[in-house]
Amino acid sequence: MLELYQAEGCGYSKKVREALTEFGVSYVIHNPRTAAGETRNEQTHDELRTLGGQDQIPFLVDHQRGVTMYESGDIVDYLEEHYA
């Protein structure tokens, strides 16, 4: 299962969502905060920081492969390599 921690209105998050859609990958989306940094959901915001160690989006969790990563370009490259 893939989980994406992201924010609506964030261009980097949009880039990752578009790649997931293009590759036909199912995923769970979390909106822990706004693109400006305002917390929208304390629980998922805490999960983001616990899982990744940073308050940075987008953040991908691939449970099947045990991979977590930041940076939209790296995430898109990873998705293309493993899910395209």
N, C-alpha and C. Protein backbone atom coordinates (compact mmCIF):
# COMPACT_ATOMS: atom_id res chain seq x y z
N MET A 1 0.83 -1.18 0.00
CA MET A 1 0.00 0.00 0.00
C MET A 1 0.88 1.25 0.00
N LEU A 2 0.46 2.23 -0.76
CA LEU A 2 1.15 3.52 -0.80
C LEU A 2 0.34 4.56 -0.04
N GLU A 3 1.04 5.39 0.71
CA GLU A 3 0.42 6.51 1.39
C GLU A 3 1.17 7.78 0.98
N LEU A 4 0.41 8.82 0.67
CA LEU A 4 1.01 10.09 0.30
C LEU A 4 0.56 11.17 1.28
N TYR A 5 1.52 11.75 1.95
CA TYR A 5 1.27 12.91 2.80
C TYR A 5 1.53 14.12 1.93
N GLN A 6 0.52 14.98 1.79
CA GLN A 6 0.60 16.07 0.83
C GLN A 6 -0.29 17.22 1.25
N ALA A 7 -0.32 18.27 0.43
CA ALA A 7 -1.20 19.40 0.69
C ALA A 7 -1.84 19.84 -0.61
N GLU A 8 -3.12 20.11 -0.55
CA GLU A 8 -3.81 20.68 -1.70
C GLU A 8 -3.21 22.06 -1.95
N GLY A 9 -3.05 22.42 -3.20
CA GLY A 9 -2.48 23.72 -3.53
C GLY A 9 -0.96 23.73 -3.57
N CYS A 10 -0.34 22.61 -3.25
CA CYS A 10 1.12 22.49 -3.31
C CYS A 10 1.49 21.90 -4.67
N GLY A 11 2.24 22.61 -5.47
CA GLY A 11 2.63 22.15 -6.79
C GLY A 11 3.44 20.87 -6.78
N TYR A 12 4.27 20.70 -5.76
CA TYR A 12 5.08 19.48 -5.65
C TYR A 12 4.20 18.27 -5.36
N SER A 13 3.21 18.46 -4.49
CA SER A 13 2.27 17.38 -4.20
C SER A 13 1.46 17.03 -5.45
N LYS A 14 1.06 18.05 -6.20
CA LYS A 14 0.30 17.83 -7.42
C LYS A 14 1.09 16.98 -8.42
N LYS A 15 2.37 17.26 -8.53
CA LYS A 15 3.24 16.50 -9.43
C LYS A 15 3.22 15.00 -9.08
N VAL A 16 3.26 14.70 -7.79
CA VAL A 16 3.24 13.30 -7.35
C VAL A 16 1.87 12.68 -7.59
N ARG A 17 0.81 13.40 -7.27
CA ARG A 17 -0.55 12.89 -7.51
C ARG A 17 -0.77 12.58 -8.99
N GLU A 18 -0.29 13.46 -9.86
CA GLU A 18 -0.45 13.24 -11.30
C GLU A 18 0.30 11.99 -11.75
N ALA A 19 1.48 11.76 -11.21
CA ALA A 19 2.24 10.55 -11.56
C ALA A 19 1.51 9.30 -11.07
N LEU A 20 1.00 9.33 -9.85
CA LEU A 20 0.25 8.19 -9.33
C LEU A 20 -0.96 7.88 -10.21
N THR A 21 -1.65 8.92 -10.63
CA THR A 21 -2.81 8.75 -11.51
C THR A 21 -2.38 8.20 -12.87
N GLU A 22 -1.33 8.77 -13.43
CA GLU A 22 -0.83 8.33 -14.74
C GLU A 22 -0.45 6.85 -14.72
N PHE A 23 0.16 6.40 -13.64
CA PHE A 23 0.60 5.01 -13.55
C PHE A 23 -0.51 4.08 -13.07
N GLY A 24 -1.67 4.63 -12.73
CA GLY A 24 -2.80 3.82 -12.30
C GLY A 24 -2.61 3.17 -10.94
N VAL A 25 -1.89 3.84 -10.08
CA VAL A 25 -1.57 3.29 -8.77
C VAL A 25 -2.61 3.75 -7.73
N SER A 26 -3.10 2.81 -6.96
CA SER A 26 -4.00 3.15 -5.85
C SER A 26 -3.16 3.60 -4.66
N TYR A 27 -3.68 4.58 -3.93
CA TYR A 27 -2.95 5.09 -2.78
C TYR A 27 -3.90 5.76 -1.81
N VAL A 28 -3.43 5.93 -0.59
CA VAL A 28 -4.17 6.65 0.44
C VAL A 28 -3.52 8.02 0.56
N ILE A 29 -4.36 9.04 0.61
CA ILE A 29 -3.85 10.40 0.68
C ILE A 29 -4.13 10.98 2.06
N HIS A 30 -3.15 11.71 2.60
CA HIS A 30 -3.28 12.39 3.88
C HIS A 30 -2.97 13.87 3.67
N ASN A 31 -3.75 14.72 4.29
CA ASN A 31 -3.54 16.16 4.22
C ASN A 31 -3.24 16.69 5.62
N PRO A 32 -2.00 16.50 6.09
CA PRO A 32 -1.68 16.90 7.46
C PRO A 32 -1.64 18.40 7.68
N ARG A 33 -1.33 19.14 6.62
CA ARG A 33 -1.23 20.60 6.75
C ARG A 33 -1.45 21.25 5.39
N THR A 34 -1.57 22.56 5.42
CA THR A 34 -1.70 23.31 4.17
C THR A 34 -0.32 23.51 3.56
N ALA A 35 -0.30 23.95 2.32
CA ALA A 35 0.97 24.24 1.66
C ALA A 35 1.73 25.34 2.40
N ALA A 36 1.00 26.22 3.08
CA ALA A 36 1.62 27.31 3.84
C ALA A 36 2.12 26.87 5.22
N GLY A 37 1.79 25.65 5.62
CA GLY A 37 2.30 25.13 6.89
C GLY A 37 1.30 25.09 8.03
N GLU A 38 0.06 25.50 7.80
CA GLU A 38 -0.96 25.47 8.85
C GLU A 38 -1.46 24.03 9.04
N THR A 39 -1.38 23.53 10.26
CA THR A 39 -1.82 22.16 10.54
C THR A 39 -3.31 22.03 10.32
N ARG A 40 -3.70 20.99 9.58
CA ARG A 40 -5.11 20.72 9.32
C ARG A 40 -5.58 19.50 10.09
N ASN A 41 -4.65 18.57 10.38
CA ASN A 41 -5.01 17.34 11.07
C ASN A 41 -3.84 16.96 11.97
N GLU A 42 -4.00 17.13 13.26
CA GLU A 42 -2.92 16.86 14.22
C GLU A 42 -2.40 15.43 14.13
N GLN A 43 -3.32 14.46 14.02
CA GLN A 43 -2.92 13.06 14.00
C GLN A 43 -2.03 12.75 12.80
N THR A 44 -2.45 13.13 11.61
CA THR A 44 -1.63 12.83 10.42
C THR A 44 -0.38 13.70 10.39
N HIS A 45 -0.44 14.89 10.97
CA HIS A 45 0.75 15.73 11.04
C HIS A 45 1.79 15.08 11.94
N ASP A 46 1.35 14.52 13.05
CA ASP A 46 2.26 13.80 13.94
C ASP A 46 2.82 12.55 13.26
N GLU A 47 1.97 11.83 12.51
CA GLU A 47 2.42 10.64 11.78
C GLU A 47 3.51 11.02 10.77
N LEU A 48 3.29 12.11 10.04
CA LEU A 48 4.28 12.57 9.06
C LEU A 48 5.63 12.80 9.72
N ARG A 49 5.64 13.50 10.83
CA ARG A 49 6.90 13.79 11.52
C ARG A 49 7.51 12.54 12.13
N THR A 50 6.69 11.62 12.62
CA THR A 50 7.20 10.39 13.22
C THR A 50 7.80 9.47 12.15
N LEU A 51 7.09 9.31 11.05
CA LEU A 51 7.54 8.41 9.98
C LEU A 51 8.77 8.93 9.25
N GLY A 52 8.77 10.22 8.98
CA GLY A 52 9.85 10.78 8.16
C GLY A 52 10.87 11.61 8.90
N GLY A 53 10.51 12.07 10.08
CA GLY A 53 11.45 12.87 10.85
C GLY A 53 11.42 14.34 10.52
N GLN A 54 10.64 14.73 9.52
CA GLN A 54 10.58 16.13 9.11
C GLN A 54 9.13 16.53 8.85
N ASP A 55 8.90 17.82 8.88
CA ASP A 55 7.60 18.37 8.51
C ASP A 55 7.74 18.88 7.07
N GLN A 56 7.82 17.93 6.15
CA GLN A 56 8.03 18.26 4.73
C GLN A 56 7.06 17.45 3.89
N ILE A 57 6.51 18.08 2.88
CA ILE A 57 5.62 17.40 1.95
C ILE A 57 6.07 17.69 0.53
N PRO A 58 5.78 16.81 -0.42
CA PRO A 58 5.13 15.53 -0.25
C PRO A 58 6.06 14.50 0.39
N PHE A 59 5.43 13.50 0.97
CA PHE A 59 6.15 12.40 1.62
C PHE A 59 5.43 11.11 1.26
N LEU A 60 6.16 10.17 0.68
CA LEU A 60 5.58 8.90 0.24
C LEU A 60 6.01 7.77 1.17
N VAL A 61 5.07 6.91 1.50
CA VAL A 61 5.34 5.68 2.25
C VAL A 61 4.89 4.52 1.39
N ASP A 62 5.83 3.63 1.05
CA ASP A 62 5.52 2.42 0.30
C ASP A 62 5.70 1.24 1.26
N HIS A 63 4.61 0.79 1.82
CA HIS A 63 4.65 -0.28 2.83
C HIS A 63 5.13 -1.59 2.24
N GLN A 64 4.80 -1.86 1.00
CA GLN A 64 5.18 -3.12 0.36
C GLN A 64 6.70 -3.26 0.26
N ARG A 65 7.38 -2.17 -0.04
CA ARG A 65 8.82 -2.21 -0.22
C ARG A 65 9.60 -1.65 0.97
N GLY A 66 8.90 -1.17 1.97
CA GLY A 66 9.57 -0.61 3.14
C GLY A 66 10.32 0.67 2.83
N VAL A 67 9.79 1.49 1.93
CA VAL A 67 10.46 2.71 1.48
C VAL A 67 9.67 3.93 1.92
N THR A 68 10.39 4.94 2.39
CA THR A 68 9.81 6.26 2.66
C THR A 68 10.70 7.29 1.99
N MET A 69 10.07 8.35 1.46
CA MET A 69 10.89 9.37 0.80
C MET A 69 10.18 10.70 0.66
N TYR A 70 11.00 11.74 0.62
CA TYR A 70 10.59 13.11 0.35
C TYR A 70 11.04 13.46 -1.07
N GLU A 71 10.77 14.69 -1.47
CA GLU A 71 11.18 15.28 -2.74
C GLU A 71 10.36 14.72 -3.90
N SER A 72 9.57 15.58 -4.48
CA SER A 72 8.64 15.16 -5.54
C SER A 72 9.36 14.51 -6.72
N GLY A 73 10.48 15.05 -7.15
CA GLY A 73 11.21 14.46 -8.27
C GLY A 73 11.69 13.05 -7.97
N ASP A 74 12.20 12.84 -6.77
CA ASP A 74 12.66 11.51 -6.35
C ASP A 74 11.47 10.55 -6.27
N ILE A 75 10.35 11.04 -5.75
CA ILE A 75 9.17 10.20 -5.64
C ILE A 75 8.67 9.78 -7.02
N VAL A 76 8.59 10.73 -7.94
CA VAL A 76 8.13 10.41 -9.30
C VAL A 76 9.07 9.42 -9.96
N ASP A 77 10.37 9.61 -9.82
CA ASP A 77 11.34 8.66 -10.38
C ASP A 77 11.14 7.27 -9.79
N TYR A 78 10.94 7.19 -8.49
CA TYR A 78 10.71 5.92 -7.79
C TYR A 78 9.45 5.25 -8.32
N LEU A 79 8.37 6.01 -8.43
CA LEU A 79 7.11 5.46 -8.93
C LEU A 79 7.26 4.95 -10.35
N GLU A 80 7.96 5.69 -11.17
CA GLU A 80 8.16 5.27 -12.55
C GLU A 80 8.95 3.97 -12.62
N GLU A 81 9.97 3.86 -11.77
CA GLU A 81 10.80 2.65 -11.76
C GLU A 81 10.03 1.43 -11.27
N HIS A 82 9.18 1.59 -10.28
CA HIS A 82 8.54 0.45 -9.65
C HIS A 82 7.06 0.23 -10.01
N TYR A 83 6.39 1.25 -10.55
CA TYR A 83 4.96 1.12 -10.76
C TYR A 83 4.48 1.47 -12.18
N ALA A 84 5.35 1.95 -13.03
CA ALA A 84 4.92 2.33 -14.39
C ALA A 84 4.79 1.11 -15.27
